[in-house]
Amino acid sequence: MAAELIATTATKKVYRDGDKAIKVFNADFPKAEVLNEALITARVEETGGIDVPKVLEVGVFEGKWSITFDFIEGKTLQQLMDENPDKLAEYMEQMVDLHLNILSKHCPLLNKLKDKMSRQILEIDELSDITRYDMRTKLDSMPKHTKLCHGDFNPTNIVVREDGSMCVLDWVHATQGNASADVARTYLLFCLQDQKKADMYMDIFCKKTGTAKKYVQTWLPIVAAAQLSKKRPEEVELLQKWANVCDYQ
């Protein structure tokens, strides 16, 4: 069976080859980052209790670095939300439960979320030196946790099989850190698309966990600043608004 192109992004293409998915990176993509993604995913896989695609091979595909995973058959949760808007609340409940399962795990060999975010904030030209300093000071003062954080937990990274089980993809941004920081990132990712979904997600998470919404919101300016480092033009305006909120109380 010839490999079939199933997805394309700015940095990679994804092919299906039977029961395998091959993520092929652009020729100029750093080798170290490819190897790091494979290592992070393997460590999450070994944590246990989370449905993730297994890393099968790191190699070269048509002259470019690639990672081969198990192919997961199904639809993304985003597709299901779009196709069945009447089931949105049900899907959100399932998504929060899945997130809580991830956040209940520990993966001590992963990088620390605070260290990663601190580096990202330093890289942002759009913010003043004073704002960057305030951000890093606030980040340092936040509670230090070691929970497994996905780093890009959104409906496009969740595949739902026919039997309803859910598999979580794309662990390249995974770290260990504060659960509310990871939830704040998911909230912001929803905000970039649909404020109603963002608010629903936040409300369900806080209700299920007994977490004060205000506490999760204290992470929003820091998470927005870190997200700015990805330099996605379509996100800049909204993220700058969040990142420039200086009153964290």
Protein backbone atom coordinates (compact mmCIF):
# COMPACT_ATOMS: atom_id res chain seq x y z
CA MET A 1 0.00 0.00 0.00
CA ALA A 2 1.45 3.37 -1.01
CA ALA A 3 1.70 6.03 1.68
CA GLU A 4 -1.25 8.44 1.50
CA LEU A 5 -0.86 12.11 2.44
CA ILE A 6 -3.47 12.90 5.12
CA ALA A 7 -2.32 16.20 6.68
CA THR A 8 0.03 19.12 5.99
CA THR A 9 1.31 21.90 8.27
CA ALA A 10 3.99 24.57 7.92
CA THR A 11 6.68 22.24 9.28
CA LYS A 12 5.61 18.73 8.32
CA LYS A 13 3.44 16.34 6.34
CA VAL A 14 1.67 13.28 7.72
CA TYR A 15 1.17 10.12 5.69
CA ARG A 16 -0.82 6.99 6.33
CA ASP A 17 0.78 3.70 5.39
CA GLY A 18 -1.60 0.92 6.40
CA ASP A 19 -1.71 0.78 10.20
CA LYS A 20 1.11 3.32 10.52
CA ALA A 21 1.20 7.13 10.50
CA ILE A 22 4.44 8.72 9.28
CA LYS A 23 5.15 12.29 10.33
CA VAL A 24 7.67 13.72 7.82
CA PHE A 25 9.39 16.97 8.75
CA ASN A 26 10.59 19.67 6.37
CA ALA A 27 14.18 19.35 5.17
CA ASP A 28 15.30 22.32 7.28
CA PHE A 29 13.59 21.10 10.47
CA PRO A 30 16.17 20.57 13.25
CA LYS A 31 17.13 16.96 13.81
CA ALA A 32 17.33 17.53 17.57
CA GLU A 33 13.67 18.58 17.67
CA VAL A 34 12.60 15.46 15.78
CA LEU A 35 14.49 13.22 18.19
CA ASN A 36 13.14 15.19 21.15
CA GLU A 37 9.53 14.72 20.01
CA ALA A 38 10.04 10.98 19.72
CA LEU A 39 11.65 10.86 23.17
CA ILE A 40 8.90 12.91 24.84
CA THR A 41 6.17 10.76 23.27
CA ALA A 42 7.93 7.54 24.31
CA ARG A 43 8.22 8.79 27.89
CA VAL A 44 4.52 9.68 28.01
CA GLU A 45 3.70 6.28 26.52
CA GLU A 46 5.73 4.56 29.26
CA THR A 47 3.89 6.52 31.95
CA GLY A 48 0.87 4.28 31.40
CA GLY A 49 -2.84 4.91 31.81
CA ILE A 50 -3.02 7.27 28.80
CA ASP A 51 -4.06 6.25 25.30
CA VAL A 52 -1.32 7.59 23.00
CA PRO A 53 -0.01 6.46 19.60
CA LYS A 54 3.07 4.29 20.07
CA VAL A 55 6.35 5.46 18.60
CA LEU A 56 7.48 2.74 16.20
CA GLU A 57 10.49 4.25 14.47
CA VAL A 58 12.57 7.37 13.94
CA GLY A 59 14.04 7.39 10.47
CA VAL A 60 14.28 9.04 7.07
CA PHE A 61 11.40 9.26 4.59
CA GLU A 62 12.24 10.48 1.10
CA GLY A 63 15.38 12.12 2.42
CA LYS A 64 13.71 13.88 5.37
CA TRP A 65 13.58 13.06 9.08
CA SER A 66 10.43 11.24 10.13
CA ILE A 67 8.71 9.60 13.08
CA THR A 68 6.46 6.58 12.57
CA PHE A 69 3.55 6.01 14.96
CA ASP A 70 0.59 3.67 15.20
CA PHE A 71 -2.19 5.04 13.02
CA ILE A 72 -5.31 5.76 15.09
CA GLU A 73 -8.55 5.17 13.21
CA GLY A 74 -11.40 7.54 13.98
CA LYS A 75 -12.53 11.15 13.88
CA THR A 76 -11.05 14.04 15.80
CA LEU A 77 -13.12 15.43 18.63
CA GLN A 78 -13.15 18.71 16.69
CA GLN A 79 -14.85 16.96 13.75
CA LEU A 80 -17.46 15.45 16.06
CA MET A 81 -18.14 18.82 17.70
CA ASP A 82 -18.64 20.38 14.27
CA GLU A 83 -20.88 17.55 13.05
CA ASN A 84 -22.98 17.27 16.23
CA PRO A 85 -23.35 20.73 17.81
CA ASP A 86 -26.24 19.44 19.95
CA LYS A 87 -23.76 17.15 21.75
CA LEU A 88 -21.25 19.90 22.55
CA ALA A 89 -21.81 19.78 26.33
CA GLU A 90 -21.38 15.99 26.32
CA TYR A 91 -18.15 16.22 24.32
CA MET A 92 -16.81 18.93 26.62
CA GLU A 93 -17.47 16.76 29.67
CA GLN A 94 -15.56 13.90 28.05
CA MET A 95 -12.72 16.20 27.07
CA VAL A 96 -12.35 17.57 30.60
CA ASP A 97 -12.39 14.02 32.02
CA LEU A 98 -9.66 13.05 29.56
CA HIS A 99 -7.62 16.11 30.54
CA LEU A 100 -8.01 15.27 34.23
CA ASN A 101 -6.72 11.76 33.60
CA ILE A 102 -3.61 13.19 31.92
CA LEU A 103 -3.09 15.71 34.72
CA SER A 104 -3.28 12.93 37.31
CA LYS A 105 -0.08 11.37 35.91
CA HIS A 106 3.56 12.13 36.61
CA CYS A 107 6.41 11.88 34.12
CA PRO A 108 9.51 13.05 36.06
CA LEU A 109 11.96 12.94 33.14
CA LEU A 110 10.11 15.62 31.17
CA ASN A 111 11.24 19.26 31.17
CA LYS A 112 9.61 21.55 33.72
CA LEU A 113 6.79 23.73 32.41
CA LYS A 114 8.00 26.81 34.29
CA ASP A 115 11.47 26.58 32.72
CA LYS A 116 10.01 26.26 29.22
CA MET A 117 7.61 29.17 29.69
CA SER A 118 10.36 31.38 31.12
CA ARG A 119 12.48 30.78 28.01
CA GLN A 120 9.51 31.47 25.74
CA ILE A 121 8.72 34.78 27.46
CA LEU A 122 12.32 35.91 27.02
CA GLU A 123 12.01 35.38 23.25
CA ILE A 124 9.00 37.69 22.75
CA ASP A 125 9.79 40.96 20.99
CA GLU A 126 6.18 42.16 21.13
CA LEU A 127 6.34 42.76 24.90
CA SER A 128 8.33 45.43 26.73
CA ASP A 129 11.26 44.54 28.98
CA ILE A 130 9.20 45.55 32.00
CA THR A 131 6.28 43.31 31.00
CA ARG A 132 8.61 40.37 30.38
CA TYR A 133 10.22 40.91 33.79
CA ASP A 134 6.80 41.08 35.47
CA MET A 135 5.70 37.92 33.67
CA ARG A 136 8.76 35.93 34.74
CA THR A 137 8.49 37.20 38.31
CA LYS A 138 4.84 36.16 38.47
CA LEU A 139 5.67 32.80 36.88
CA ASP A 140 8.34 32.13 39.49
CA SER A 141 5.85 32.86 42.29
CA MET A 142 3.20 30.42 41.05
CA PRO A 143 2.84 27.06 42.87
CA LYS A 144 5.34 24.44 41.75
CA HIS A 145 3.64 21.19 40.70
CA THR A 146 4.87 18.18 38.73
CA LYS A 147 1.73 16.99 36.96
CA LEU A 148 1.89 15.79 33.36
CA CYS A 149 0.87 18.70 31.10
CA HIS A 150 0.10 18.12 27.41
CA GLY A 151 0.87 21.67 26.30
CA ASP A 152 -1.47 21.69 23.29
CA PHE A 153 -4.60 19.96 24.56
CA ASN A 154 -7.39 20.79 22.11
CA PRO A 155 -10.07 18.86 20.16
CA THR A 156 -7.92 18.51 17.01
CA ASN A 157 -5.40 16.46 19.02
CA ILE A 158 -7.98 13.96 20.26
CA VAL A 159 -9.05 11.05 18.04
CA VAL A 160 -12.30 9.29 18.93
CA ARG A 161 -12.58 5.68 17.80
CA GLU A 162 -15.83 4.01 16.79
CA ASP A 163 -16.15 2.49 20.27
CA GLY A 164 -15.94 5.97 21.83
CA SER A 165 -12.45 5.57 23.30
CA MET A 166 -10.18 8.58 22.92
CA CYS A 167 -6.53 8.73 21.91
CA VAL A 168 -4.43 11.86 22.49
CA LEU A 169 -1.97 12.93 19.79
CA ASP A 170 0.97 15.36 19.47
CA TRP A 171 2.87 15.28 22.75
CA VAL A 172 5.81 17.38 21.54
CA HIS A 173 4.96 20.21 23.98
CA ALA A 174 4.47 17.94 27.02
CA THR A 175 6.11 19.01 30.28
CA GLN A 176 5.65 18.53 34.02
CA GLY A 177 4.07 21.40 35.87
CA ASN A 178 0.90 23.05 37.16
CA ALA A 179 -2.42 21.61 35.99
CA SER A 180 -4.13 25.00 35.93
CA ALA A 181 -1.47 26.32 33.55
CA ASP A 182 -2.31 23.53 31.11
CA VAL A 183 -6.02 24.24 31.49
CA ALA A 184 -5.39 27.95 30.91
CA ARG A 185 -3.60 27.08 27.67
CA THR A 186 -6.55 24.96 26.50
CA TYR A 187 -8.87 27.83 27.41
CA LEU A 188 -6.81 30.25 25.31
CA LEU A 189 -6.68 27.84 22.38
CA PHE A 190 -10.49 27.68 22.51
CA CYS A 191 -10.65 31.50 22.77
CA LEU A 192 -8.77 31.79 19.49
CA GLN A 193 -11.66 29.94 17.83
CA ASP A 194 -14.82 30.18 19.94
CA GLN A 195 -15.33 32.06 23.22
CA LYS A 196 -18.44 30.03 24.08
CA LYS A 197 -16.48 26.78 24.00
CA ALA A 198 -13.67 28.35 26.00
CA ASP A 199 -16.03 29.43 28.79
CA MET A 200 -17.78 26.06 28.80
CA TYR A 201 -14.49 24.22 29.14
CA MET A 202 -13.32 26.45 31.99
CA ASP A 203 -16.66 26.14 33.83
CA ILE A 204 -16.71 22.32 33.59
CA PHE A 205 -13.10 21.97 34.72
CA CYS A 206 -13.54 24.25 37.72
CA LYS A 207 -16.81 22.56 38.75
CA LYS A 208 -15.35 19.04 38.50
CA THR A 209 -12.18 19.89 40.41
CA GLY A 210 -13.40 22.51 42.87
CA THR A 211 -10.79 24.90 41.46
CA ALA A 212 -11.50 28.60 41.72
CA LYS A 213 -11.86 30.09 38.25
CA LYS A 214 -9.89 33.09 39.45
CA TYR A 215 -6.87 30.86 40.11
CA VAL A 216 -6.87 29.43 36.58
CA GLN A 217 -7.27 32.95 35.21
CA THR A 218 -4.07 34.10 36.97
CA TRP A 219 -2.21 31.88 34.51
CA LEU A 220 -3.79 33.41 31.41
CA PRO A 221 -1.40 36.38 30.86
CA ILE A 222 1.64 34.13 31.36
CA VAL A 223 0.31 31.40 29.07
CA ALA A 224 -0.68 33.99 26.44
CA ALA A 225 2.84 35.45 26.51
CA ALA A 226 4.37 32.00 26.08
CA GLN A 227 2.00 31.28 23.17
CA LEU A 228 3.11 34.52 21.48
CA SER A 229 6.57 33.00 21.08
CA LYS A 230 5.13 30.71 18.39
CA LYS A 231 4.70 33.81 16.20
CA ARG A 232 1.42 32.87 14.56
CA PRO A 233 0.10 36.08 12.93
CA GLU A 234 -3.56 35.14 13.31
CA GLU A 235 -3.13 34.79 17.10
CA VAL A 236 -1.09 37.90 17.89
CA GLU A 237 -3.89 40.42 18.51
CA LEU A 238 -5.83 38.32 21.01
CA LEU A 239 -2.75 36.99 22.77
CA GLN A 240 -1.28 40.48 23.18
CA LYS A 241 -4.48 41.61 24.87
CA TRP A 242 -4.20 38.77 27.38
CA ALA A 243 -0.44 39.09 27.84
CA ASN A 244 -0.64 42.81 28.55
CA VAL A 245 -3.04 42.36 31.45
CA CYS A 246 -0.81 43.45 34.32
CA ASP A 247 -3.32 43.13 37.15
CA TYR A 248 -3.00 39.47 38.07
CA GLN A 249 -5.14 39.69 41.18
